[in-house]
Every structure is written in C-alpha cells, then in structure tokens.
Amino acid sequence: MPGTRKLGRATDQRIAMLRNLVTSTLEHGRIETTIDRAKEARCMVEKMITLGKKNTLSSKRQALSYITNRDVVVKLFDEIAPKYAERNGGYTRILKTNPRRGDGASMSILELVD
C-alpha cells in the first residue's frame, strides 16, 4: 500500500524528501536512492505523469503544488507526458544495485522507462 512507509522521518521531513525525489527523478530521468525510498517515490512519479497526460489547467496546478521546480513542471507537460500518451501506467522501473558502502543499505536506481 503506497504511502505507509515512514522511512525513519517525521511527517513534514518525509513529505519534503519525497517531493525532492520526485522532482529530481523527473528532472534527470533517473536517481539512485535506497529501495524503500524508491518504492515510495515511484507512486508519486507515476501520479505526476498521469496528471501530465491530462494536460488541463487543474492538473498543472496540482503538479505545481507538489513539484518544487517550475521548469520541471513545464518539462513534465511538454516532453515527458506526451511520450507516455499510449501507455497505461508503468512509467518507471526500479533496478537494484550494490549496497551502500558506508552503512550497507540496499540501494536502487529509480528511472523513467523509455
């Protein structure tokens, strides 16, 4: 069930972290993070792409309220969402990588599907 992981953070910190992960994923196309964070961010990235596919004023305002960078919202609506117009979900993938060297946390790459 999405949105149930606490990720060791207070609520406001967790929401801010997920907003930054979503913004970075849409801006760069892929990010490297822990598996639990990637699973949580994937839900919101897919919701943002679905909003981009609607391409209405209301959906743009909803995306602007969550994504922290206006340029990323423009990129979402002009480049990313039209690329997935014929696809019904499954816009992202999670690839597992080697554990993090410092603390051994399981790492993964969250990326947009081409």
C-alpha atoms as a PDB file:
ATOM      1  CA  MET A   1       0.000   0.000   0.000  1.00  0.00           C
ATOM      2  CA  PRO A   2       1.611   3.290  -1.056  1.00  0.00           C
ATOM      3  CA  GLY A   3       2.236   5.978   1.486  1.00  0.00           C
ATOM      4  CA  THR A   4       2.572   3.717   4.526  1.00  0.00           C
ATOM      5  CA  ARG A   5       6.372   3.674   4.880  1.00  0.00           C
ATOM      6  CA  LYS A   6       7.651   6.119   7.475  1.00  0.00           C
ATOM      7  CA  LEU A   7      11.284   5.975   6.285  1.00  0.00           C
ATOM      8  CA  GLY A   8      12.618   6.997   9.699  1.00  0.00           C
ATOM      9  CA  ARG A   9      11.482  10.603   9.341  1.00  0.00           C
ATOM     10  CA  ALA A  10       8.916  12.953  10.800  1.00  0.00           C
ATOM     11  CA  THR A  11       5.911  13.606   8.559  1.00  0.00           C
ATOM     12  CA  ASP A  12       6.982  17.028   7.269  1.00  0.00           C
ATOM     13  CA  GLN A  13      10.536  15.832   6.583  1.00  0.00           C
ATOM     14  CA  ARG A  14       9.234  12.723   4.803  1.00  0.00           C
ATOM     15  CA  ILE A  15       6.929  14.737   2.556  1.00  0.00           C
ATOM     16  CA  ALA A  16       9.726  17.185   1.695  1.00  0.00           C
ATOM     17  CA  MET A  17      12.112  14.319   0.919  1.00  0.00           C
ATOM     18  CA  LEU A  18       9.578  12.623  -1.382  1.00  0.00           C
ATOM     19  CA  ARG A  19       8.855  15.905  -3.177  1.00  0.00           C
ATOM     20  CA  ASN A  20      12.587  16.344  -3.800  1.00  0.00           C
ATOM     21  CA  LEU A  21      12.948  12.741  -5.021  1.00  0.00           C
ATOM     22  CA  VAL A  22      10.037  13.173  -7.440  1.00  0.00           C
ATOM     23  CA  THR A  23      11.377  16.490  -8.728  1.00  0.00           C
ATOM     24  CA  SER A  24      14.862  15.044  -9.246  1.00  0.00           C
ATOM     25  CA  THR A  25      13.529  11.951 -10.997  1.00  0.00           C
ATOM     26  CA  LEU A  26      11.502  13.998 -13.451  1.00  0.00           C
ATOM     27  CA  GLU A  27      14.355  16.452 -13.993  1.00  0.00           C
ATOM     28  CA  HIS A  28      17.181  13.962 -14.562  1.00  0.00           C
ATOM     29  CA  GLY A  29      15.302  10.842 -15.683  1.00  0.00           C
ATOM     30  CA  ARG A  30      16.941   8.611 -13.059  1.00  0.00           C
ATOM     31  CA  ILE A  31      18.154   8.795  -9.468  1.00  0.00           C
ATOM     32  CA  GLU A  32      19.981   6.463  -7.105  1.00  0.00           C
ATOM     33  CA  THR A  33      18.437   6.009  -3.669  1.00  0.00           C
ATOM     34  CA  THR A  34      17.510   3.285  -1.201  1.00  0.00           C
ATOM     35  CA  ILE A  35      14.941   0.697  -2.217  1.00  0.00           C
ATOM     36  CA  ASP A  36      12.267   1.830   0.246  1.00  0.00           C
ATOM     37  CA  ARG A  37      12.579   5.466  -0.815  1.00  0.00           C
ATOM     38  CA  ALA A  38      12.441   4.472  -4.478  1.00  0.00           C
ATOM     39  CA  LYS A  39       9.259   2.453  -3.932  1.00  0.00           C
ATOM     40  CA  GLU A  40       7.571   5.395  -2.237  1.00  0.00           C
ATOM     41  CA  ALA A  41       8.766   7.929  -4.822  1.00  0.00           C
ATOM     42  CA  ARG A  42       7.651   5.689  -7.704  1.00  0.00           C
ATOM     43  CA  CYS A  43       3.997   6.074  -6.707  1.00  0.00           C
ATOM     44  CA  MET A  44       4.163   9.848  -6.808  1.00  0.00           C
ATOM     45  CA  VAL A  45       6.211   9.993 -10.023  1.00  0.00           C
ATOM     46  CA  GLU A  46       3.575   7.907 -11.766  1.00  0.00           C
ATOM     47  CA  LYS A  47       0.799  10.125 -10.396  1.00  0.00           C
ATOM     48  CA  MET A  48       2.600  13.216 -11.710  1.00  0.00           C
ATOM     49  CA  ILE A  49       2.980  11.673 -15.172  1.00  0.00           C
ATOM     50  CA  THR A  50      -0.717  10.776 -15.155  1.00  0.00           C
ATOM     51  CA  LEU A  51      -1.509  14.406 -14.314  1.00  0.00           C
ATOM     52  CA  GLY A  52       0.730  15.456 -17.193  1.00  0.00           C
ATOM     53  CA  LYS A  53      -1.211  13.245 -19.588  1.00  0.00           C
ATOM     54  CA  LYS A  54      -4.449  15.063 -18.708  1.00  0.00           C
ATOM     55  CA  ASN A  55      -2.873  18.429 -19.616  1.00  0.00           C
ATOM     56  CA  THR A  56      -5.544  20.671 -18.102  1.00  0.00           C
ATOM     57  CA  LEU A  57      -5.120  23.830 -16.080  1.00  0.00           C
ATOM     58  CA  SER A  58      -6.257  21.993 -12.968  1.00  0.00           C
ATOM     59  CA  SER A  59      -3.701  19.227 -13.448  1.00  0.00           C
ATOM     60  CA  LYS A  60      -0.919  21.793 -13.996  1.00  0.00           C
ATOM     61  CA  ARG A  61      -1.828  23.489 -10.738  1.00  0.00           C
ATOM     62  CA  GLN A  62      -1.865  20.170  -8.894  1.00  0.00           C
ATOM     63  CA  ALA A  63       1.573  19.315 -10.282  1.00  0.00           C
ATOM     64  CA  LEU A  64       2.909  22.766  -9.329  1.00  0.00           C
ATOM     65  CA  SER A  65       1.677  22.260  -5.780  1.00  0.00           C
ATOM     66  CA  TYR A  66       3.801  19.109  -5.422  1.00  0.00           C
ATOM     67  CA  ILE A  67       6.841  19.537  -7.692  1.00  0.00           C
ATOM     68  CA  THR A  68       9.307  22.073  -6.310  1.00  0.00           C
ATOM     69  CA  ASN A  69      10.648  23.448  -9.614  1.00  0.00           C
ATOM     70  CA  ARG A  70       8.530  25.241 -12.218  1.00  0.00           C
ATOM     71  CA  ASP A  71      10.879  24.249 -15.070  1.00  0.00           C
ATOM     72  CA  VAL A  72      10.379  20.567 -14.212  1.00  0.00           C
ATOM     73  CA  VAL A  73       6.599  21.015 -14.445  1.00  0.00           C
ATOM     74  CA  VAL A  74       6.999  22.541 -17.899  1.00  0.00           C
ATOM     75  CA  LYS A  75       9.229  19.621 -18.896  1.00  0.00           C
ATOM     76  CA  LEU A  76       6.666  17.164 -17.486  1.00  0.00           C
ATOM     77  CA  PHE A  77       3.782  18.574 -19.518  1.00  0.00           C
ATOM     78  CA  ASP A  78       5.725  19.298 -22.734  1.00  0.00           C
ATOM     79  CA  GLU A  79       8.190  16.387 -23.032  1.00  0.00           C
ATOM     80  CA  ILE A  80       7.654  13.566 -20.543  1.00  0.00           C
ATOM     81  CA  ALA A  81       3.864  13.070 -20.507  1.00  0.00           C
ATOM     82  CA  PRO A  82       3.361  13.089 -24.316  1.00  0.00           C
ATOM     83  CA  LYS A  83       5.994  10.335 -24.575  1.00  0.00           C
ATOM     84  CA  TYR A  84       3.737   8.080 -22.449  1.00  0.00           C
ATOM     85  CA  ALA A  85       0.423   9.021 -24.119  1.00  0.00           C
ATOM     86  CA  GLU A  86      -0.226   5.486 -25.388  1.00  0.00           C
ATOM     87  CA  ARG A  87       0.964   3.751 -22.217  1.00  0.00           C
ATOM     88  CA  ASN A  88      -1.366   2.841 -19.330  1.00  0.00           C
ATOM     89  CA  GLY A  89       0.867   3.039 -16.277  1.00  0.00           C
ATOM     90  CA  GLY A  90       4.260   1.525 -15.584  1.00  0.00           C
ATOM     91  CA  TYR A  91       6.237   4.672 -16.382  1.00  0.00           C
ATOM     92  CA  THR A  92       9.113   3.882 -14.006  1.00  0.00           C
ATOM     93  CA  ARG A  93      11.350   0.952 -13.108  1.00  0.00           C
ATOM     94  CA  ILE A  94      13.431   0.142 -10.048  1.00  0.00           C
ATOM     95  CA  LEU A  95      16.770  -1.604 -10.578  1.00  0.00           C
ATOM     96  CA  LYS A  96      18.581  -2.987  -7.543  1.00  0.00           C
ATOM     97  CA  THR A  97      22.284  -2.153  -7.240  1.00  0.00           C
ATOM     98  CA  ASN A  98      25.089  -2.892  -4.790  1.00  0.00           C
ATOM     99  CA  PRO A  99      24.676  -1.994  -1.099  1.00  0.00           C
ATOM    100  CA  ARG A 100      25.846   1.416   0.046  1.00  0.00           C
ATOM    101  CA  ARG A 101      29.437   1.338   1.239  1.00  0.00           C
ATOM    102  CA  GLY A 102      29.014   3.330   4.439  1.00  0.00           C
ATOM    103  CA  ASP A 103      26.132   1.585   6.162  1.00  0.00           C
ATOM    104  CA  GLY A 104      25.245  -1.335   3.880  1.00  0.00           C
ATOM    105  CA  ALA A 105      21.802  -0.005   2.973  1.00  0.00           C
ATOM    106  CA  SER A 106      20.306  -1.702  -0.084  1.00  0.00           C
ATOM    107  CA  MET A 107      20.431   0.747  -2.982  1.00  0.00           C
ATOM    108  CA  SER A 108      18.465   1.000  -6.207  1.00  0.00           C
ATOM    109  CA  ILE A 109      18.064   3.152  -9.293  1.00  0.00           C
ATOM    110  CA  LEU A 110      14.668   4.699  -9.996  1.00  0.00           C
ATOM    111  CA  GLU A 111      14.369   5.615 -13.670  1.00  0.00           C
ATOM    112  CA  LEU A 112      11.792   6.525 -16.257  1.00  0.00           C
ATOM    113  CA  VAL A 113      11.041   3.816 -18.828  1.00  0.00           C
ATOM    114  CA  ASP A 114      11.890   4.731 -22.435  1.00  0.00           C
END
